[in-house]
Structures are given as structure tokens and as C-alpha cells.
Amino acid sequence: MKEAFNNFSLENSKQKARAKIKNFVGEWKEAYGRTVTQWLDEDYIDDYLTYIDYSVEVRCMIYTTNSIENLNRQIRKITKTKVSFEKEKNLLDLIL
């Protein structure tokens, strides 16, 4: 699936992404059945491929959320054993 969503060059299009998804479904359909065949539904996949309508620079900003997800994961890891914080500053001190 990573190949299907890695569309950061000018020559990539929704049609090419759909072709990559079809290849993915063909390869994994037997093992995962209905789970992967839902990717062939045009209405379903169009929502995921919306970012291709934008310029390459904007595509990268839309697609890249790993650093945000990493930060959220670290905050959850630190705060999961704490029930509450007296002040907002105490939470920020713990995180930073």
C-alpha cells in the first residue's frame, strides 16, 4: 500500500495510484479477502487520494504526519500513569 500512496512526483496521478492499489488487492486478496477488496470501491478510495489533486509541495505536507503522531505517542506514554495535573504548567514540565 505504501507504493500506492507514495505520490510525490509530478507524473503521479490518481489513475496510477488506483493501478497500484489494484495490484496490491490482486496480490493480497486471497489472504485477506474482503478487507483488501474494499480498496477497489471508487468512492471509498477517492477520499484517500484527494491529496493528489494538490501540488507536490502541498502533497508532502498533507501526507506527512509522522512527527505529529510520534509527539502524541510520547505524550501519551508519559502521561498515561498520571490521572490529573494540578496545573497546566505541571503537565508541560513533565512533557518538556
PDB file of N, CA and C in Angstrom:
ATOM      1  N   MET A   1       0.818  -1.191   0.000  1.00  0.00           N
ATOM      2  CA  MET A   1       0.000   0.000   0.000  1.00  0.00           C
ATOM      3  C   MET A   1       0.860   1.252   0.000  1.00  0.00           C
ATOM      4  N   LYS A   2       2.053   1.139   0.556  1.00  0.00           N
ATOM      5  CA  LYS A   2       2.912   2.315   0.628  1.00  0.00           C
ATOM      6  C   LYS A   2       3.190   2.852  -0.779  1.00  0.00           C
ATOM      7  N   GLU A   3       3.385   1.960  -1.732  1.00  0.00           N
ATOM      8  CA  GLU A   3       3.622   2.390  -3.117  1.00  0.00           C
ATOM      9  C   GLU A   3       2.432   3.148  -3.681  1.00  0.00           C
ATOM     10  N   ALA A   4       1.250   2.732  -3.343  1.00  0.00           N
ATOM     11  CA  ALA A   4       0.044   3.374  -3.870  1.00  0.00           C
ATOM     12  C   ALA A   4      -0.118   4.794  -3.355  1.00  0.00           C
ATOM     13  N   PHE A   5       0.329   5.049  -2.138  1.00  0.00           N
ATOM     14  CA  PHE A   5       0.152   6.369  -1.552  1.00  0.00           C
ATOM     15  C   PHE A   5       1.396   7.241  -1.629  1.00  0.00           C
ATOM     16  N   ASN A   6       2.475   6.717  -2.148  1.00  0.00           N
ATOM     17  CA  ASN A   6       3.708   7.488  -2.304  1.00  0.00           C
ATOM     18  C   ASN A   6       3.662   8.202  -3.659  1.00  0.00           C
ATOM     19  N   ASN A   7       2.928   9.298  -3.720  1.00  0.00           N
ATOM     20  CA  ASN A   7       2.672  10.021  -4.969  1.00  0.00           C
ATOM     21  C   ASN A   7       3.226  11.435  -4.891  1.00  0.00           C
ATOM     22  N   PHE A   8       4.538  11.548  -4.821  1.00  0.00           N
ATOM     23  CA  PHE A   8       5.142  12.853  -4.601  1.00  0.00           C
ATOM     24  C   PHE A   8       5.957  13.354  -5.787  1.00  0.00           C
ATOM     25  N   SER A   9       5.659  12.856  -6.963  1.00  0.00           N
ATOM     26  CA  SER A   9       6.288  13.406  -8.161  1.00  0.00           C
ATOM     27  C   SER A   9       5.195  13.888  -9.101  1.00  0.00           C
ATOM     28  N   LEU A  10       5.570  14.758 -10.014  1.00  0.00           N
ATOM     29  CA  LEU A  10       4.578  15.386 -10.890  1.00  0.00           C
ATOM     30  C   LEU A  10       3.858  14.402 -11.797  1.00  0.00           C
ATOM     31  N   GLU A  11       4.539  13.322 -12.200  1.00  0.00           N
ATOM     32  CA  GLU A  11       3.919  12.390 -13.141  1.00  0.00           C
ATOM     33  C   GLU A  11       2.915  11.436 -12.485  1.00  0.00           C
ATOM     34  N   ASN A  12       2.837  11.426 -11.169  1.00  0.00           N
ATOM     35  CA  ASN A  12       1.868  10.561 -10.486  1.00  0.00           C
ATOM     36  C   ASN A  12       0.471  11.148 -10.568  1.00  0.00           C
ATOM     37  N   SER A  13      -0.491  10.259 -10.661  1.00  0.00           N
ATOM     38  CA  SER A  13      -1.888  10.676 -10.774  1.00  0.00           C
ATOM     39  C   SER A  13      -2.770   9.693 -10.020  1.00  0.00           C
ATOM     40  N   LYS A  14      -4.043  10.027  -9.937  1.00  0.00           N
ATOM     41  CA  LYS A  14      -4.982   9.133  -9.269  1.00  0.00           C
ATOM     42  C   LYS A  14      -5.097   7.807 -10.031  1.00  0.00           C
ATOM     43  N   GLN A  15      -5.023   7.872 -11.358  1.00  0.00           N
ATOM     44  CA  GLN A  15      -5.121   6.647 -12.153  1.00  0.00           C
ATOM     45  C   GLN A  15      -3.959   5.710 -11.856  1.00  0.00           C
ATOM     46  N   LYS A  16      -2.755   6.258 -11.730  1.00  0.00           N
ATOM     47  CA  LYS A  16      -1.595   5.428 -11.400  1.00  0.00           C
ATOM     48  C   LYS A  16      -1.718   4.860  -9.996  1.00  0.00           C
ATOM     49  N   ALA A  17      -2.216   5.665  -9.072  1.00  0.00           N
ATOM     50  CA  ALA A  17      -2.408   5.188  -7.701  1.00  0.00           C
ATOM     51  C   ALA A  17      -3.440   4.064  -7.671  1.00  0.00           C
ATOM     52  N   ARG A  18      -4.521   4.219  -8.426  1.00  0.00           N
ATOM     53  CA  ARG A  18      -5.547   3.166  -8.483  1.00  0.00           C
ATOM     54  C   ARG A  18      -4.978   1.879  -9.074  1.00  0.00           C
ATOM     55  N   ALA A  19      -4.112   1.994 -10.080  1.00  0.00           N
ATOM     56  CA  ALA A  19      -3.482   0.809 -10.676  1.00  0.00           C
ATOM     57  C   ALA A  19      -2.611   0.099  -9.641  1.00  0.00           C
ATOM     58  N   LYS A  20      -1.888   0.861  -8.832  1.00  0.00           N
ATOM     59  CA  LYS A  20      -1.059   0.271  -7.780  1.00  0.00           C
ATOM     60  C   LYS A  20      -1.927  -0.417  -6.726  1.00  0.00           C
ATOM     61  N   ILE A  21      -3.072   0.182  -6.441  1.00  0.00           N
ATOM     62  CA  ILE A  21      -3.989  -0.420  -5.472  1.00  0.00           C
ATOM     63  C   ILE A  21      -4.554  -1.723  -6.026  1.00  0.00           C
ATOM     64  N   LYS A  22      -4.890  -1.745  -7.309  1.00  0.00           N
ATOM     65  CA  LYS A  22      -5.381  -2.984  -7.931  1.00  0.00           C
ATOM     66  C   LYS A  22      -4.335  -4.084  -7.847  1.00  0.00           C
ATOM     67  N   ASN A  23      -3.079  -3.732  -8.075  1.00  0.00           N
ATOM     68  CA  ASN A  23      -2.002  -4.722  -7.946  1.00  0.00           C
ATOM     69  C   ASN A  23      -1.921  -5.238  -6.514  1.00  0.00           C
ATOM     70  N   PHE A  24      -2.020  -4.335  -5.558  1.00  0.00           N
ATOM     71  CA  PHE A  24      -1.987  -4.718  -4.150  1.00  0.00           C
ATOM     72  C   PHE A  24      -3.124  -5.676  -3.821  1.00  0.00           C
ATOM     73  N   VAL A  25      -4.342  -5.327  -4.262  1.00  0.00           N
ATOM     74  CA  VAL A  25      -5.511  -6.167  -3.989  1.00  0.00           C
ATOM     75  C   VAL A  25      -5.342  -7.532  -4.642  1.00  0.00           C
ATOM     76  N   GLY A  26      -4.848  -7.555  -5.889  1.00  0.00           N
ATOM     77  CA  GLY A  26      -4.624  -8.824  -6.568  1.00  0.00           C
ATOM     78  C   GLY A  26      -3.639  -9.714  -5.824  1.00  0.00           C
ATOM     79  N   GLU A  27      -2.630  -9.103  -5.243  1.00  0.00           N
ATOM     80  CA  GLU A  27      -1.606  -9.861  -4.525  1.00  0.00           C
ATOM     81  C   GLU A  27      -2.103 -10.388  -3.178  1.00  0.00           C
ATOM     82  N   TRP A  28      -2.949  -9.621  -2.483  1.00  0.00           N
ATOM     83  CA  TRP A  28      -3.341  -9.966  -1.125  1.00  0.00           C
ATOM     84  C   TRP A  28      -4.790 -10.418  -0.962  1.00  0.00           C
ATOM     85  N   LYS A  29      -5.550 -10.456  -2.053  1.00  0.00           N
ATOM     86  CA  LYS A  29      -6.970 -10.799  -1.990  1.00  0.00           C
ATOM     87  C   LYS A  29      -7.206 -12.186  -1.409  1.00  0.00           C
ATOM     88  N   GLU A  30      -6.415 -13.119  -1.810  1.00  0.00           N
ATOM     89  CA  GLU A  30      -6.605 -14.491  -1.351  1.00  0.00           C
ATOM     90  C   GLU A  30      -6.374 -14.608   0.164  1.00  0.00           C
ATOM     91  N   ALA A  31      -5.395 -13.904   0.664  1.00  0.00           N
ATOM     92  CA  ALA A  31      -5.068 -13.994   2.089  1.00  0.00           C
ATOM     93  C   ALA A  31      -6.013 -13.169   2.959  1.00  0.00           C
ATOM     94  N   TYR A  32      -6.457 -12.010   2.456  1.00  0.00           N
ATOM     95  CA  TYR A  32      -7.221 -11.094   3.301  1.00  0.00           C
ATOM     96  C   TYR A  32      -8.631 -10.785   2.807  1.00  0.00           C
ATOM     97  N   GLY A  33      -9.029 -11.347   1.688  1.00  0.00           N
ATOM     98  CA  GLY A  33     -10.408 -11.278   1.195  1.00  0.00           C
ATOM     99  C   GLY A  33     -11.060  -9.916   1.201  1.00  0.00           C
ATOM    100  N   ARG A  34     -12.167  -9.800   1.954  1.00  0.00           N
ATOM    101  CA  ARG A  34     -12.969  -8.575   1.975  1.00  0.00           C
ATOM    102  C   ARG A  34     -12.204  -7.361   2.478  1.00  0.00           C
ATOM    103  N   THR A  35     -11.250  -7.591   3.337  1.00  0.00           N
ATOM    104  CA  THR A  35     -10.503  -6.474   3.903  1.00  0.00           C
ATOM    105  C   THR A  35      -9.804  -5.670   2.814  1.00  0.00           C
ATOM    106  N   VAL A  36      -9.189  -6.331   1.861  1.00  0.00           N
ATOM    107  CA  VAL A  36      -8.476  -5.598   0.807  1.00  0.00           C
ATOM    108  C   VAL A  36      -9.361  -5.255  -0.380  1.00  0.00           C
ATOM    109  N   THR A  37     -10.424  -6.006  -0.619  1.00  0.00           N
ATOM    110  CA  THR A  37     -11.267  -5.704  -1.779  1.00  0.00           C
ATOM    111  C   THR A  37     -12.038  -4.395  -1.616  1.00  0.00           C
ATOM    112  N   GLN A  38     -12.211  -3.916  -0.397  1.00  0.00           N
ATOM    113  CA  GLN A  38     -12.892  -2.624  -0.213  1.00  0.00           C
ATOM    114  C   GLN A  38     -12.099  -1.493  -0.852  1.00  0.00           C
ATOM    115  N   TRP A  39     -10.802  -1.682  -1.053  1.00  0.00           N
ATOM    116  CA  TRP A  39      -9.974  -0.657  -1.676  1.00  0.00           C
ATOM    117  C   TRP A  39     -10.323  -0.466  -3.152  1.00  0.00           C
ATOM    118  N   LEU A  40     -11.050  -1.388  -3.740  1.00  0.00           N
ATOM    119  CA  LEU A  40     -11.435  -1.255  -5.146  1.00  0.00           C
ATOM    120  C   LEU A  40     -12.660  -0.371  -5.343  1.00  0.00           C
ATOM    121  N   ASP A  41     -13.372  -0.058  -4.283  1.00  0.00           N
ATOM    122  CA  ASP A  41     -14.544   0.809  -4.349  1.00  0.00           C
ATOM    123  C   ASP A  41     -14.097   2.243  -4.642  1.00  0.00           C
ATOM    124  N   GLU A  42     -14.517   2.789  -5.776  1.00  0.00           N
ATOM    125  CA  GLU A  42     -14.093   4.123  -6.225  1.00  0.00           C
ATOM    126  C   GLU A  42     -14.408   5.213  -5.199  1.00  0.00           C
ATOM    127  N   ASP A  43     -15.612   5.196  -4.650  1.00  0.00           N
ATOM    128  CA  ASP A  43     -15.997   6.228  -3.682  1.00  0.00           C
ATOM    129  C   ASP A  43     -15.146   6.148  -2.424  1.00  0.00           C
ATOM    130  N   TYR A  44     -14.832   4.937  -2.025  1.00  0.00           N
ATOM    131  CA  TYR A  44     -14.032   4.718  -0.822  1.00  0.00           C
ATOM    132  C   TYR A  44     -12.606   5.239  -1.010  1.00  0.00           C
ATOM    133  N   ILE A  45     -11.995   4.916  -2.118  1.00  0.00           N
ATOM    134  CA  ILE A  45     -10.587   5.267  -2.334  1.00  0.00           C
ATOM    135  C   ILE A  45     -10.409   6.737  -2.701  1.00  0.00           C
ATOM    136  N   ASP A  46     -11.391   7.358  -3.310  1.00  0.00           N
ATOM    137  CA  ASP A  46     -11.268   8.773  -3.691  1.00  0.00           C
ATOM    138  C   ASP A  46     -10.984   9.675  -2.491  1.00  0.00           C
ATOM    139  N   ASP A  47     -11.562   9.340  -1.352  1.00  0.00           N
ATOM    140  CA  ASP A  47     -11.294  10.129  -0.151  1.00  0.00           C
ATOM    141  C   ASP A  47      -9.819  10.067   0.233  1.00  0.00           C
ATOM    142  N   TYR A  48      -9.213   8.916   0.056  1.00  0.00           N
ATOM    143  CA  TYR A  48      -7.808   8.740   0.421  1.00  0.00           C
ATOM    144  C   TYR A  48      -6.846   9.348  -0.597  1.00  0.00           C
ATOM    145  N   LEU A  49      -7.298   9.521  -1.805  1.00  0.00           N
ATOM    146  CA  LEU A  49      -6.422  10.036  -2.868  1.00  0.00           C
ATOM    147  C   LEU A  49      -6.636  11.523  -3.142  1.00  0.00           C
ATOM    148  N   THR A  50      -7.381  12.201  -2.324  1.00  0.00           N
ATOM    149  CA  THR A  50      -7.674  13.620  -2.508  1.00  0.00           C
ATOM    150  C   THR A  50      -6.407  14.452  -2.572  1.00  0.00           C
ATOM    151  N   TYR A  51      -5.394  14.105  -1.793  1.00  0.00           N
ATOM    152  CA  TYR A  51      -4.169  14.906  -1.737  1.00  0.00           C
ATOM    153  C   TYR A  51      -3.443  14.976  -3.077  1.00  0.00           C
ATOM    154  N   ILE A  52      -3.702  14.059  -3.992  1.00  0.00           N
ATOM    155  CA  ILE A  52      -3.042  14.066  -5.301  1.00  0.00           C
ATOM    156  C   ILE A  52      -3.504  15.252  -6.147  1.00  0.00           C
ATOM    157  N   ASP A  53      -4.652  15.830  -5.835  1.00  0.00           N
ATOM    158  CA  ASP A  53      -5.154  16.988  -6.574  1.00  0.00           C
ATOM    159  C   ASP A  53      -4.322  18.247  -6.327  1.00  0.00           C
ATOM    160  N   TYR A  54      -3.494  18.229  -5.291  1.00  0.00           N
ATOM    161  CA  TYR A  54      -2.689  19.400  -4.929  1.00  0.00           C
ATOM    162  C   TYR A  54      -1.285  19.301  -5.531  1.00  0.00           C
ATOM    163  N   SER A  55      -0.558  20.408  -5.446  1.00  0.00           N
ATOM    164  CA  SER A  55       0.815  20.414  -5.959  1.00  0.00           C
ATOM    165  C   SER A  55       1.683  19.480  -5.114  1.00  0.00           C
ATOM    166  N   VAL A  56       2.839  19.106  -5.647  1.00  0.00           N
ATOM    167  CA  VAL A  56       3.724  18.160  -4.983  1.00  0.00           C
ATOM    168  C   VAL A  56       4.150  18.679  -3.609  1.00  0.00           C
ATOM    169  N   GLU A  57       4.425  19.968  -3.498  1.00  0.00           N
ATOM    170  CA  GLU A  57       4.845  20.538  -2.226  1.00  0.00           C
ATOM    171  C   GLU A  57       3.759  20.384  -1.161  1.00  0.00           C
ATOM    172  N   VAL A  58       2.520  20.643  -1.567  1.00  0.00           N
ATOM    173  CA  VAL A  58       1.401  20.547  -0.632  1.00  0.00           C
ATOM    174  C   VAL A  58       1.119  19.081  -0.301  1.00  0.00           C
ATOM    175  N   ARG A  59       1.285  18.183  -1.262  1.00  0.00           N
ATOM    176  CA  ARG A  59       1.077  16.753  -1.015  1.00  0.00           C
ATOM    177  C   ARG A  59       1.938  16.273   0.135  1.00  0.00           C
ATOM    178  N   CYS A  60       3.186  16.685   0.149  1.00  0.00           N
ATOM    179  CA  CYS A  60       4.106  16.261   1.212  1.00  0.00           C
ATOM    180  C   CYS A  60       3.626  16.750   2.569  1.00  0.00           C
ATOM    181  N   MET A  61       3.129  17.963   2.639  1.00  0.00           N
ATOM    182  CA  MET A  61       2.649  18.496   3.915  1.00  0.00           C
ATOM    183  C   MET A  61       1.397  17.761   4.385  1.00  0.00           C
ATOM    184  N   ILE A  62       0.523  17.413   3.461  1.00  0.00           N
ATOM    185  CA  ILE A  62      -0.707  16.712   3.818  1.00  0.00           C
ATOM    186  C   ILE A  62      -0.390  15.294   4.263  1.00  0.00           C
ATOM    187  N   TYR A  63       0.472  14.625   3.557  1.00  0.00           N
ATOM    188  CA  TYR A  63       0.757  13.208   3.780  1.00  0.00           C
ATOM    189  C   TYR A  63       1.592  12.965   5.031  1.00  0.00           C
ATOM    190  N   THR A  64       2.517  13.859   5.330  1.00  0.00           N
ATOM    191  CA  THR A  64       3.467  13.632   6.403  1.00  0.00           C
ATOM    192  C   THR A  64       2.896  14.053   7.737  1.00  0.00           C
ATOM    193  N   THR A  65       2.525  13.080   8.544  1.00  0.00           N
ATOM    194  CA  THR A  65       2.040  13.347   9.890  1.00  0.00           C
ATOM    195  C   THR A  65       2.828  12.542  10.918  1.00  0.00           C
ATOM    196  N   ASN A  66       3.883  11.865  10.478  1.00  0.00           N
ATOM    197  CA  ASN A  66       4.629  11.003  11.392  1.00  0.00           C
ATOM    198  C   ASN A  66       5.178  11.740  12.599  1.00  0.00           C
ATOM    199  N   SER A  67       5.695  12.937  12.406  1.00  0.00           N
ATOM    200  CA  SER A  67       6.260  13.664  13.542  1.00  0.00           C
ATOM    201  C   SER A  67       5.179  14.039  14.546  1.00  0.00           C
ATOM    202  N   ILE A  68       3.988  14.394  14.071  1.00  0.00           N
ATOM    203  CA  ILE A  68       2.879  14.714  14.970  1.00  0.00           C
ATOM    204  C   ILE A  68       2.437  13.458  15.716  1.00  0.00           C
ATOM    205  N   GLU A  69       2.309  12.340  14.999  1.00  0.00           N
ATOM    206  CA  GLU A  69       1.918  11.091  15.631  1.00  0.00           C
ATOM    207  C   GLU A  69       2.953  10.660  16.662  1.00  0.00           C
ATOM    208  N   ASN A  70       4.221  10.845  16.349  1.00  0.00           N
ATOM    209  CA  ASN A  70       5.292  10.497  17.278  1.00  0.00           C
ATOM    210  C   ASN A  70       5.197  11.336  18.555  1.00  0.00           C
ATOM    211  N   LEU A  71       4.977  12.625  18.405  1.00  0.00           N
ATOM    212  CA  LEU A  71       4.831  13.502  19.564  1.00  0.00           C
ATOM    213  C   LEU A  71       3.646  13.072  20.422  1.00  0.00           C
ATOM    214  N   ASN A  72       2.502  12.801  19.795  1.00  0.00           N
ATOM    215  CA  ASN A  72       1.326  12.355  20.545  1.00  0.00           C
ATOM    216  C   ASN A  72       1.586  11.048  21.283  1.00  0.00           C
ATOM    217  N   ARG A  73       2.284  10.120  20.653  1.00  0.00           N
ATOM    218  CA  ARG A  73       2.608   8.848  21.282  1.00  0.00           C
ATOM    219  C   ARG A  73       3.499   9.067  22.513  1.00  0.00           C
ATOM    220  N   GLN A  74       4.479   9.950  22.393  1.00  0.00           N
ATOM    221  CA  GLN A  74       5.364  10.235  23.522  1.00  0.00           C
ATOM    222  C   GLN A  74       4.604  10.881  24.672  1.00  0.00           C
ATOM    223  N   ILE A  75       3.694  11.799  24.353  1.00  0.00           N
ATOM    224  CA  ILE A  75       2.895  12.450  25.402  1.00  0.00           C
ATOM    225  C   ILE A  75       2.010  11.421  26.111  1.00  0.00           C
ATOM    226  N   ARG A  76       1.361  10.539  25.345  1.00  0.00           N
ATOM    227  CA  ARG A  76       0.516   9.507  25.956  1.00  0.00           C
ATOM    228  C   ARG A  76       1.333   8.580  26.843  1.00  0.00           C
ATOM    229  N   LYS A  77       2.529   8.236  26.400  1.00  0.00           N
ATOM    230  CA  LYS A  77       3.406   7.344  27.169  1.00  0.00           C
ATOM    231  C   LYS A  77       3.774   7.971  28.508  1.00  0.00           C
ATOM    232  N   ILE A  78       4.082   9.248  28.498  1.00  0.00           N
ATOM    233  CA  ILE A  78       4.484   9.943  29.718  1.00  0.00           C
ATOM    234  C   ILE A  78       3.302  10.155  30.657  1.00  0.00           C
ATOM    235  N   THR A  79       2.148  10.477  30.104  1.00  0.00           N
ATOM    236  CA  THR A  79       1.016  10.884  30.944  1.00  0.00           C
ATOM    237  C   THR A  79       0.051   9.748  31.283  1.00  0.00           C
ATOM    238  N   LYS A  80       0.228   8.564  30.744  1.00  0.00           N
ATOM    239  CA  LYS A  80      -0.772   7.511  30.951  1.00  0.00           C
ATOM    240  C   LYS A  80      -0.873   7.050  32.402  1.00  0.00           C
ATOM    241  N   THR A  81       0.189   7.176  33.168  1.00  0.00           N
ATOM    242  CA  THR A  81       0.124   6.762  34.567  1.00  0.00           C
ATOM    243  C   THR A  81      -0.361   7.880  35.490  1.00  0.00           C
ATOM    244  N   LYS A  82      -0.465   9.081  34.973  1.00  0.00           N
ATOM    245  CA  LYS A  82      -0.936  10.216  35.761  1.00  0.00           C
ATOM    246  C   LYS A  82      -2.431  10.413  35.526  1.00  0.00           C
ATOM    247  N   VAL A  83      -3.175  10.559  36.599  1.00  0.00           N
ATOM    248  CA  VAL A  83      -4.619  10.735  36.477  1.00  0.00           C
ATOM    249  C   VAL A  83      -4.963  12.179  36.152  1.00  0.00           C
ATOM    250  N   SER A  84      -4.337  13.112  36.863  1.00  0.00           N
ATOM    251  CA  SER A  84      -4.617  14.521  36.620  1.00  0.00           C
ATOM    252  C   SER A  84      -3.414  15.363  37.025  1.00  0.00           C
ATOM    253  N   PHE A  85      -3.437  16.598  36.614  1.00  0.00           N
ATOM    254  CA  PHE A  85      -2.370  17.534  36.930  1.00  0.00           C
ATOM    255  C   PHE A  85      -2.995  18.758  37.589  1.00  0.00           C
ATOM    256  N   GLU A  86      -2.343  19.227  38.643  1.00  0.00           N
ATOM    257  CA  GLU A  86      -2.861  20.372  39.373  1.00  0.00           C
ATOM    258  C   GLU A  86      -2.945  21.610  38.496  1.00  0.00           C
ATOM    259  N   LYS A  87      -1.878  21.829  37.757  1.00  0.00           N
ATOM    260  CA  LYS A  87      -1.803  22.999  36.882  1.00  0.00           C
ATOM    261  C   LYS A  87      -1.317  22.562  35.511  1.00  0.00           C
ATOM    262  N   GLU A  88      -1.684  23.339  34.522  1.00  0.00           N
ATOM    263  CA  GLU A  88      -1.233  23.061  33.155  1.00  0.00           C
ATOM    264  C   GLU A  88       0.294  23.088  33.074  1.00  0.00           C
ATOM    265  N   LYS A  89       0.903  23.962  33.822  1.00  0.00           N
ATOM    266  CA  LYS A  89       2.363  24.076  33.838  1.00  0.00           C
ATOM    267  C   LYS A  89       3.028  22.770  34.282  1.00  0.00           C
ATOM    268  N   ASN A  90       2.391  22.069  35.228  1.00  0.00           N
ATOM    269  CA  ASN A  90       2.946  20.793  35.692  1.00  0.00           C
ATOM    270  C   ASN A  90       2.988  19.763  34.568  1.00  0.00           C
ATOM    271  N   LEU A  91       1.952  19.737  33.763  1.00  0.00           N
ATOM    272  CA  LEU A  91       1.916  18.835  32.614  1.00  0.00           C
ATOM    273  C   LEU A  91       3.004  19.208  31.611  1.00  0.00           C
ATOM    274  N   LEU A  92       3.123  20.483  31.310  1.00  0.00           N
ATOM    275  CA  LEU A  92       4.139  20.932  30.354  1.00  0.00           C
ATOM    276  C   LEU A  92       5.552  20.650  30.865  1.00  0.00           C
ATOM    277  N   ASP A  93       5.776  20.806  32.165  1.00  0.00           N
ATOM    278  CA  ASP A  93       7.084  20.489  32.746  1.00  0.00           C
ATOM    279  C   ASP A  93       7.406  19.014  32.584  1.00  0.00           C
ATOM    280  N   LEU A  94       6.417  18.168  32.761  1.00  0.00           N
ATOM    281  CA  LEU A  94       6.612  16.723  32.629  1.00  0.00           C
ATOM    282  C   LEU A  94       6.918  16.337  31.180  1.00  0.00           C
ATOM    283  N   ILE A  95       6.214  16.937  30.266  1.00  0.00           N
ATOM    284  CA  ILE A  95       6.390  16.603  28.842  1.00  0.00           C
ATOM    285  C   ILE A  95       7.692  17.145  28.282  1.00  0.00           C
ATOM    286  N   LEU A  96       7.998  18.375  28.623  1.00  0.00           N
ATOM    287  CA  LEU A  96       9.195  19.010  28.082  1.00  0.00           C
ATOM    288  C   LEU A  96      10.377  18.630  28.917  1.00  0.00           C
TER     289      LEU A  96
END
